[in-house]
Amino acid sequence: MARKQITGLYQRNGIWHIDKIFRGQRLYESTGSDDRKEAEQYLIHRLEQLRQQHIYGVRRVRTWREAATRYLVEYKDQPSIGLTALYLEQLDPYIGDRPVDHIDDEALAPYVKDRLAGRLRGSPEKGRSVAPRTINIALERVIRVLNLCARKWRDEARRPWLDTVPMITRLDLRRSTRQPHPLSWEEQSLLFAELPDHLKRMALYKVNSGSREQEVVKLRWDWEIPVPELGTSVFLIPADFGGRHENAGVKNGDERLIVLNRVAKSVIEGQRGLDPLWVFPYGQVDKDGNATPMHRMNDSAWRKARKRAAAMYEQRLKRTAPAGFASIRVHDLKHTFGRRLRAAGVTEEDRKVLLGHKNGSITSHYSAAELGKLIDEANKISATDSRGPALTILRRKAG
């Protein structure tokens, strides 16, 4: 007599999934197997779990999707929740149907492999591979959710959703992390010559003010504060500045003082009158006819410019452009500012203030004399050519 197959299983993308009603409760998840017999055994196991839960009050098994959804609801006001939602969305095709006690390195391995290869399950297009650090950010979200399952969230009988959190292995960044590349004056000249005018002005301001990318593209005139005693002005970015995301905020949660040296001040003066709101308005307008800021500096124009600059480097200097210069990032301009300050002998305390690093001081409580000292320090690197402080960059040979 032929063996009767268990109902409630269907195949999707080669994997058997469960869709079955048991005692009024819907069981809808992946078995994680492409073998029908294994899938049936898993279904039997899950049905037994539900039976024990119904009869004996055994803890209900929660899926990763349930946990991720609860996290997004409970922490919807977090500044980085939009980015978290993106990572959780990417993870869902890999582990969404899995019980939270089945989330471990083995379950996450396909996600890690695909992201390193520039793939993403559920997306038809092959993109660029992401850096290990980006993958680690996603894995840290997984750990955060699992910790809540074990330490905070409880069922009706006050039992945790998860007994213990497994060790999730992050990728090793020591060999894979790209090191910062502070620009030499020659490299700055080559790069800036290839940038379109709007990016060149932003880059010149950024490398002379130590501002972060979003502090440049979203810089507003109402953040400017005159300092009449010094005949200049500074910018004070509020702590609740949204950045790229609506509630992103200033990185360290404090107000951010931007001190202008001679070059940065000249850039700002050149922007006056272009727009009543944005210091660096973009060439587009919104539905109300108002100018809009750029979303980011690191766009296709930036990437094309650095490619041309690397080719010009090789043509002019007769040697291969350093890898860091050929892939120069917008954030490297901030590193350049910091390295030049150090080379010019600026103290660590003053460098922290000029770079917007947390140092325990209240940035809005500076006297004119203190601001004057900071401006003098910033002016030490306000040259636009080799007259500035020399940088000796030590780099290992490839090999």
Protein backbone atom coordinates (compact mmCIF):
# COMPACT_ATOMS: atom_id res chain seq x y z
CA MET A 1 0.00 0.00 0.00
CA ALA A 2 1.38 3.40 -1.02
CA ARG A 3 2.53 5.70 1.79
CA LYS A 4 0.24 8.68 2.27
CA GLN A 5 2.04 12.01 1.99
CA ILE A 6 1.64 14.60 4.69
CA THR A 7 -0.29 17.62 3.53
CA GLY A 8 0.66 21.21 4.15
CA LEU A 9 3.97 21.28 2.25
CA TYR A 10 4.72 23.17 -0.93
CA GLN A 11 7.91 23.89 -2.84
CA ARG A 12 9.28 27.39 -3.52
CA ASN A 13 12.62 27.99 -5.21
CA GLY A 14 13.52 24.36 -4.62
CA ILE A 15 12.90 24.52 -0.84
CA TRP A 16 9.95 22.92 0.93
CA HIS A 17 7.78 25.33 2.90
CA ILE A 18 4.97 24.72 5.41
CA ASP A 19 1.51 26.24 5.11
CA LYS A 20 -0.83 24.38 7.45
CA ILE A 21 -3.56 25.13 9.98
CA PHE A 22 -3.25 23.17 13.25
CA ARG A 23 -5.77 23.63 16.05
CA GLY A 24 -6.72 27.02 14.71
CA GLN A 25 -3.13 28.25 14.43
CA ARG A 26 -1.45 28.77 11.09
CA LEU A 27 2.02 27.32 10.65
CA TYR A 28 3.73 29.17 7.81
CA GLU A 29 7.51 28.85 7.52
CA SER A 30 10.37 27.26 5.61
CA THR A 31 11.66 23.79 6.42
CA GLY A 32 15.11 24.78 5.12
CA SER A 33 15.35 21.54 3.14
CA ASP A 34 14.95 20.57 -0.52
CA ASP A 35 14.33 16.93 0.44
CA ARG A 36 10.67 15.95 0.82
CA LYS A 37 11.27 13.35 3.54
CA GLU A 38 13.36 15.76 5.61
CA ALA A 39 10.69 18.40 5.16
CA GLU A 40 8.01 15.99 6.38
CA GLN A 41 10.08 15.11 9.44
CA TYR A 42 10.51 18.80 10.21
CA LEU A 43 6.76 19.38 9.81
CA ILE A 44 6.01 16.48 12.17
CA HIS A 45 8.43 17.97 14.68
CA ARG A 46 6.79 21.40 14.45
CA LEU A 47 3.30 19.93 14.79
CA GLU A 48 4.41 18.10 17.92
CA GLN A 49 5.76 21.34 19.32
CA LEU A 50 2.41 23.03 18.69
CA ARG A 51 0.56 20.07 20.28
CA GLN A 52 2.70 20.29 23.41
CA GLN A 53 2.23 24.02 23.51
CA HIS A 54 -1.54 23.62 23.26
CA ILE A 55 -1.87 20.78 25.79
CA TYR A 56 0.99 21.38 28.23
CA GLY A 57 1.66 25.06 27.77
CA VAL A 58 5.08 24.53 26.19
CA ARG A 59 6.59 27.77 24.91
CA ARG A 60 5.53 28.75 21.41
CA VAL A 61 8.35 28.89 18.89
CA ARG A 62 8.84 32.38 17.47
CA THR A 63 10.19 33.00 13.99
CA TRP A 64 12.89 35.48 13.11
CA ARG A 65 10.33 37.48 11.13
CA GLU A 66 8.19 37.89 14.27
CA ALA A 67 11.19 39.07 16.26
CA ALA A 68 12.41 41.45 13.54
CA THR A 69 8.93 42.94 13.14
CA ARG A 70 8.59 43.50 16.87
CA TYR A 71 11.99 45.20 16.95
CA LEU A 72 11.01 47.62 14.17
CA VAL A 73 7.77 48.49 15.97
CA GLU A 74 9.27 48.95 19.43
CA TYR A 75 12.30 50.93 18.26
CA LYS A 76 10.68 52.93 15.47
CA ASP A 77 11.93 56.19 17.00
CA GLN A 78 15.61 55.22 16.90
CA PRO A 79 17.66 57.57 14.69
CA SER A 80 19.03 54.62 12.69
CA ILE A 81 15.80 52.64 12.40
CA GLY A 82 15.57 53.26 8.64
CA LEU A 83 18.97 51.67 8.09
CA THR A 84 18.08 48.81 10.46
CA ALA A 85 14.89 48.16 8.50
CA LEU A 86 16.95 47.90 5.31
CA TYR A 87 19.28 45.30 6.84
CA LEU A 88 16.38 43.29 8.28
CA GLU A 89 14.65 43.36 4.89
CA GLN A 90 17.80 41.97 3.27
CA LEU A 91 18.05 39.22 5.90
CA ASP A 92 14.41 38.15 5.65
CA PRO A 93 14.69 35.89 2.54
CA TYR A 94 17.49 33.99 4.28
CA ILE A 95 16.21 33.55 7.86
CA GLY A 96 12.72 35.08 7.99
CA ASP A 97 10.90 31.75 8.39
CA ARG A 98 13.41 30.22 10.79
CA PRO A 99 12.64 29.89 14.50
CA VAL A 100 14.75 32.26 16.60
CA ASP A 101 16.50 29.29 18.22
CA HIS A 102 17.70 28.21 14.75
CA ILE A 103 19.56 31.45 13.99
CA ASP A 104 23.29 30.75 14.08
CA ASP A 105 26.40 30.98 11.89
CA GLU A 106 25.17 28.17 9.65
CA ALA A 107 21.83 29.87 9.05
CA LEU A 108 23.54 33.19 8.27
CA ALA A 109 26.28 31.75 6.04
CA PRO A 110 24.28 32.03 2.76
CA TYR A 111 23.57 35.72 3.49
CA VAL A 112 27.23 36.45 4.17
CA LYS A 113 28.33 34.55 1.05
CA ASP A 114 25.84 36.34 -1.21
CA ARG A 115 26.68 39.80 0.13
CA LEU A 116 30.40 39.25 -0.39
CA ALA A 117 29.65 38.17 -3.96
CA GLY A 118 27.41 41.15 -4.67
CA ARG A 119 24.21 39.11 -4.68
CA LEU A 120 21.06 39.39 -2.63
CA ARG A 121 18.35 36.74 -2.51
CA GLY A 122 15.12 38.09 -3.95
CA SER A 123 16.92 40.70 -6.05
CA PRO A 124 17.28 39.88 -9.77
CA GLU A 125 20.24 42.19 -10.28
CA LYS A 126 23.84 41.53 -9.33
CA GLY A 127 25.33 44.52 -7.58
CA ARG A 128 28.70 45.39 -6.13
CA SER A 129 30.10 43.28 -3.33
CA VAL A 130 29.87 45.00 0.04
CA ALA A 131 32.63 45.49 2.55
CA PRO A 132 32.93 43.05 5.47
CA ARG A 133 32.22 45.94 7.82
CA THR A 134 28.81 46.42 6.17
CA ILE A 135 28.03 42.73 6.65
CA ASN A 136 29.10 42.98 10.29
CA ILE A 137 26.64 45.83 10.81
CA ALA A 138 23.84 43.51 9.65
CA LEU A 139 25.11 40.70 11.91
CA GLU A 140 25.15 43.10 14.86
CA ARG A 141 21.46 43.79 14.18
CA VAL A 142 20.83 40.05 14.36
CA ILE A 143 22.66 39.81 17.68
CA ARG A 144 20.70 42.78 19.03
CA VAL A 145 17.34 41.20 18.15
CA LEU A 146 18.34 37.80 19.56
CA ASN A 147 19.49 39.45 22.79
CA LEU A 148 16.06 41.03 23.16
CA CYS A 149 14.46 37.62 22.55
CA ALA A 150 16.51 36.15 25.40
CA ARG A 151 16.65 39.04 27.86
CA LYS A 152 13.54 41.18 27.43
CA TRP A 153 10.67 39.73 25.43
CA ARG A 154 8.39 37.28 27.25
CA ASP A 155 5.36 35.18 26.34
CA GLU A 156 2.09 35.01 28.25
CA ALA A 157 3.65 32.72 30.89
CA ARG A 158 6.62 35.14 31.36
CA ARG A 159 9.00 32.78 29.55
CA PRO A 160 11.69 34.30 27.29
CA TRP A 161 11.37 33.88 23.54
CA LEU A 162 14.86 32.39 23.48
CA ASP A 163 16.87 30.60 26.17
CA THR A 164 20.38 31.50 25.07
CA VAL A 165 21.89 33.62 22.32
CA PRO A 166 24.38 31.73 20.14
CA MET A 167 27.80 33.12 19.31
CA ILE A 168 27.47 34.90 15.97
CA THR A 169 30.83 35.17 14.21
CA ARG A 170 31.62 38.53 12.67
CA LEU A 171 33.95 38.86 9.71
CA ASP A 172 37.59 39.67 10.42
CA LEU A 173 38.20 43.30 9.50
CA ARG A 174 41.94 43.42 10.14
CA ARG A 175 42.86 42.38 6.61
CA SER A 176 39.78 43.61 4.79
CA THR A 177 39.19 47.11 6.13
CA ARG A 178 40.32 49.84 3.79
CA GLN A 179 42.65 52.21 5.57
CA PRO A 180 42.08 55.98 5.35
CA HIS A 181 43.98 57.77 2.60
CA PRO A 182 44.90 61.36 3.54
CA LEU A 183 45.59 63.33 0.39
CA SER A 184 48.96 64.82 -0.39
CA TRP A 185 48.84 68.35 -1.82
CA GLU A 186 49.71 66.95 -5.25
CA GLU A 187 46.89 64.39 -5.04
CA GLN A 188 44.45 67.06 -3.89
CA SER A 189 45.35 69.22 -6.88
CA LEU A 190 44.85 66.31 -9.29
CA LEU A 191 41.54 65.23 -7.78
CA PHE A 192 40.02 68.70 -7.45
CA ALA A 193 40.95 69.52 -11.06
CA GLU A 194 38.70 66.66 -12.21
CA LEU A 195 35.71 67.40 -9.98
CA PRO A 196 32.73 69.31 -11.40
CA ASP A 197 32.43 72.80 -9.99
CA HIS A 198 29.73 72.09 -7.39
CA LEU A 199 31.67 69.11 -5.99
CA LYS A 200 34.97 71.00 -6.10
CA ARG A 201 33.55 73.76 -3.90
CA MET A 202 32.13 71.23 -1.44
CA ALA A 203 35.38 69.25 -1.38
CA LEU A 204 37.51 72.37 -0.84
CA TYR A 205 35.26 73.39 2.05
CA LYS A 206 35.26 69.87 3.51
CA VAL A 207 39.04 69.40 3.43
CA ASN A 208 39.47 72.76 5.17
CA SER A 209 36.75 72.38 7.81
CA GLY A 210 36.84 68.70 8.73
CA SER A 211 33.08 68.43 8.17
CA ARG A 212 31.32 65.14 7.60
CA GLU A 213 29.65 64.56 4.25
CA GLN A 214 26.09 65.28 5.43
CA GLU A 215 27.29 68.34 7.35
CA VAL A 216 28.37 69.72 3.97
CA VAL A 217 25.53 68.79 1.65
CA LYS A 218 22.85 69.82 4.18
CA LEU A 219 24.64 72.90 5.55
CA ARG A 220 22.12 75.69 6.27
CA TRP A 221 22.56 79.45 6.50
CA ASP A 222 20.53 79.64 9.71
CA TRP A 223 23.28 77.63 11.43
CA GLU A 224 25.80 80.41 10.78
CA ILE A 225 26.69 82.50 13.85
CA PRO A 226 28.55 85.83 13.39
CA VAL A 227 31.56 86.45 15.63
CA PRO A 228 31.91 90.26 15.25
CA GLU A 229 34.87 90.45 17.64
CA LEU A 230 36.87 88.39 15.12
CA GLY A 231 35.25 89.70 11.94
CA THR A 232 34.18 86.22 10.92
CA SER A 233 31.54 83.59 11.58
CA VAL A 234 31.24 79.94 12.57
CA PHE A 235 28.59 77.30 11.98
CA LEU A 236 26.89 75.50 14.87
CA ILE A 237 25.11 72.37 13.69
CA PRO A 238 22.29 71.38 16.07
CA ALA A 239 22.46 68.03 17.86
CA ASP A 240 19.18 66.91 16.26
CA PHE A 241 20.41 67.52 12.71
CA GLY A 242 18.92 64.75 10.60
CA GLY A 243 21.77 64.02 8.19
CA ARG A 244 20.98 61.48 5.47
CA HIS A 245 18.09 60.02 7.44
CA GLU A 246 15.35 62.12 8.99
CA ASN A 247 16.33 61.40 12.60
CA ALA A 248 20.00 60.52 12.15
CA GLY A 249 21.36 63.34 14.32
CA VAL A 250 24.91 64.59 14.75
CA LYS A 251 27.19 61.57 15.11
CA ASN A 252 28.17 62.04 18.77
CA GLY A 253 24.87 63.56 19.90
CA ASP A 254 26.31 67.02 20.66
CA GLU A 255 26.13 70.32 18.84
CA ARG A 256 28.86 70.48 16.22
CA LEU A 257 31.05 73.57 15.94
CA ILE A 258 32.47 74.26 12.46
CA VAL A 259 35.42 76.66 12.50
CA LEU A 260 36.32 78.30 9.19
CA ASN A 261 39.92 78.83 8.15
CA ARG A 262 40.75 81.24 5.33
CA VAL A 263 40.00 78.77 2.52
CA ALA A 264 36.75 77.45 4.02
CA LYS A 265 35.63 81.04 4.69
CA SER A 266 36.31 82.02 1.06
CA VAL A 267 34.19 79.09 -0.14
CA ILE A 268 31.32 80.15 2.13
CA GLU A 269 31.50 83.74 0.89
CA GLY A 270 31.32 82.48 -2.68
CA GLN A 271 28.06 80.67 -1.86
CA ARG A 272 26.23 83.68 -0.45
CA GLY A 273 23.17 84.70 -2.38
CA LEU A 274 22.74 81.41 -4.23
CA ASP A 275 19.92 80.22 -1.98
CA PRO A 276 18.24 81.56 1.18
CA LEU A 277 18.31 78.18 2.98
CA TRP A 278 21.06 75.89 1.69
CA VAL A 279 24.73 76.87 1.62
CA PHE A 280 25.39 74.33 -1.15
CA PRO A 281 22.11 74.16 -3.12
CA TYR A 282 21.76 71.53 -5.80
CA GLY A 283 20.62 72.35 -9.32
CA GLN A 284 17.18 70.82 -8.82
CA VAL A 285 14.00 72.19 -7.24
CA ASP A 286 11.18 70.51 -5.34
CA LYS A 287 7.47 70.63 -6.17
CA ASP A 288 7.20 74.03 -4.48
CA GLY A 289 9.98 75.50 -6.60
CA ASN A 290 12.55 75.55 -3.79
CA ALA A 291 16.16 74.51 -4.26
CA THR A 292 17.09 71.09 -2.90
CA PRO A 293 20.36 69.97 -1.31
CA MET A 294 22.37 67.07 -2.66
CA HIS A 295 21.78 63.67 -1.09
CA ARG A 296 25.48 62.86 -1.00
CA MET A 297 28.82 63.86 -2.51
CA ASN A 298 29.86 60.29 -3.29
CA ASP A 299 27.94 60.00 -6.55
CA SER A 300 28.83 58.91 -10.07
CA ALA A 301 30.49 62.28 -10.76
CA TRP A 302 32.82 61.76 -7.79
CA ARG A 303 33.71 58.22 -8.88
CA LYS A 304 34.39 59.27 -12.47
CA ALA A 305 36.53 62.17 -11.29
CA ARG A 306 38.72 59.99 -9.06
CA LYS A 307 39.22 57.57 -11.94
CA ARG A 308 40.40 60.40 -14.20
CA ALA A 309 42.58 61.77 -11.40
CA ALA A 310 44.28 58.38 -10.94
CA ALA A 311 45.01 58.22 -14.66
CA MET A 312 46.43 61.75 -14.57
CA TYR A 313 48.57 60.79 -11.55
CA GLU A 314 50.18 57.97 -13.54
CA GLN A 315 50.63 60.18 -16.62
CA ARG A 316 52.19 63.06 -14.69
CA LEU A 317 54.25 61.19 -12.07
CA LYS A 318 55.13 58.14 -14.20
CA ARG A 319 54.13 55.64 -11.51
CA THR A 320 51.01 53.75 -10.52
CA ALA A 321 48.58 55.72 -8.41
CA PRO A 322 48.26 54.47 -4.82
CA ALA A 323 45.24 52.21 -4.37
CA GLY A 324 43.83 54.57 -1.75
CA PHE A 325 43.97 57.50 -4.16
CA ALA A 326 42.45 55.53 -7.04
CA SER A 327 39.50 54.72 -4.75
CA ILE A 328 39.55 57.95 -2.75
CA ARG A 329 36.44 58.38 -0.61
CA VAL A 330 34.64 61.55 0.40
CA HIS A 331 35.38 60.75 4.04
CA ASP A 332 39.12 60.76 3.25
CA LEU A 333 38.85 64.55 3.00
CA LYS A 334 38.04 64.65 6.72
CA HIS A 335 41.00 62.32 7.42
CA THR A 336 43.17 64.67 5.36
CA PHE A 337 42.09 67.63 7.49
CA GLY A 338 42.91 65.74 10.68
CA ARG A 339 46.31 64.50 9.47
CA ARG A 340 47.31 67.98 8.31
CA LEU A 341 46.37 69.44 11.67
CA ARG A 342 48.57 66.90 13.39
CA ALA A 343 51.46 67.52 10.99
CA ALA A 344 51.13 71.26 11.72
CA GLY A 345 51.56 70.64 15.45
CA VAL A 346 47.94 71.29 16.50
CA THR A 347 47.27 69.75 19.92
CA GLU A 348 45.07 66.69 20.26
CA GLU A 349 42.51 68.63 22.30
CA ASP A 350 42.13 71.28 19.60
CA ARG A 351 42.08 68.63 16.87
CA LYS A 352 39.14 66.94 18.59
CA VAL A 353 37.19 70.20 18.65
CA LEU A 354 37.99 71.01 15.01
CA LEU A 355 37.07 67.48 13.89
CA GLY A 356 33.87 67.34 15.95
CA HIS A 357 35.04 64.43 18.10
CA LYS A 358 33.57 63.98 21.54
CA ASN A 359 35.87 65.48 24.15
CA GLY A 360 33.64 66.42 27.08
CA SER A 361 33.41 70.14 26.27
CA ILE A 362 30.25 72.02 25.34
CA THR A 363 30.88 73.34 21.86
CA SER A 364 28.45 76.25 22.08
CA HIS A 365 30.27 77.74 25.11
CA TYR A 366 33.43 79.10 23.53
CA SER A 367 34.67 82.61 24.11
CA ALA A 368 35.84 84.82 21.25
CA ALA A 369 39.43 84.31 22.39
CA GLU A 370 39.01 80.52 22.30
CA LEU A 371 37.40 80.68 18.87
CA GLY A 372 40.23 82.91 17.68
CA LYS A 373 42.77 80.33 18.79
CA LEU A 374 40.90 77.55 16.98
CA ILE A 375 40.73 79.63 13.80
CA ASP A 376 44.47 80.29 14.03
CA GLU A 377 45.09 76.55 14.39
CA ALA A 378 42.86 75.77 11.40
CA ASN A 379 44.66 78.41 9.34
CA LYS A 380 47.89 76.46 9.74
CA ILE A 381 46.64 74.12 7.03
CA SER A 382 44.83 76.66 4.85
CA ALA A 383 47.43 76.52 2.05
CA THR A 384 46.26 75.16 -1.28
CA ASP A 385 49.60 73.83 -2.51
CA SER A 386 52.91 72.37 -1.28
CA ARG A 387 53.45 75.34 1.05
CA GLY A 388 51.25 73.53 3.56
CA PRO A 389 52.63 71.15 6.21
CA ALA A 390 54.25 68.13 4.61
CA LEU A 391 52.80 64.69 5.29
CA THR A 392 54.96 61.60 5.31
CA ILE A 393 52.58 58.70 4.81
CA LEU A 394 53.96 55.28 5.66
CA ARG A 395 52.43 52.53 3.55
CA ARG A 396 53.35 48.88 3.25
CA LYS A 397 54.35 47.66 -0.17
CA ALA A 398 51.79 45.39 -1.81
CA GLY A 399 52.80 41.95 -1.65
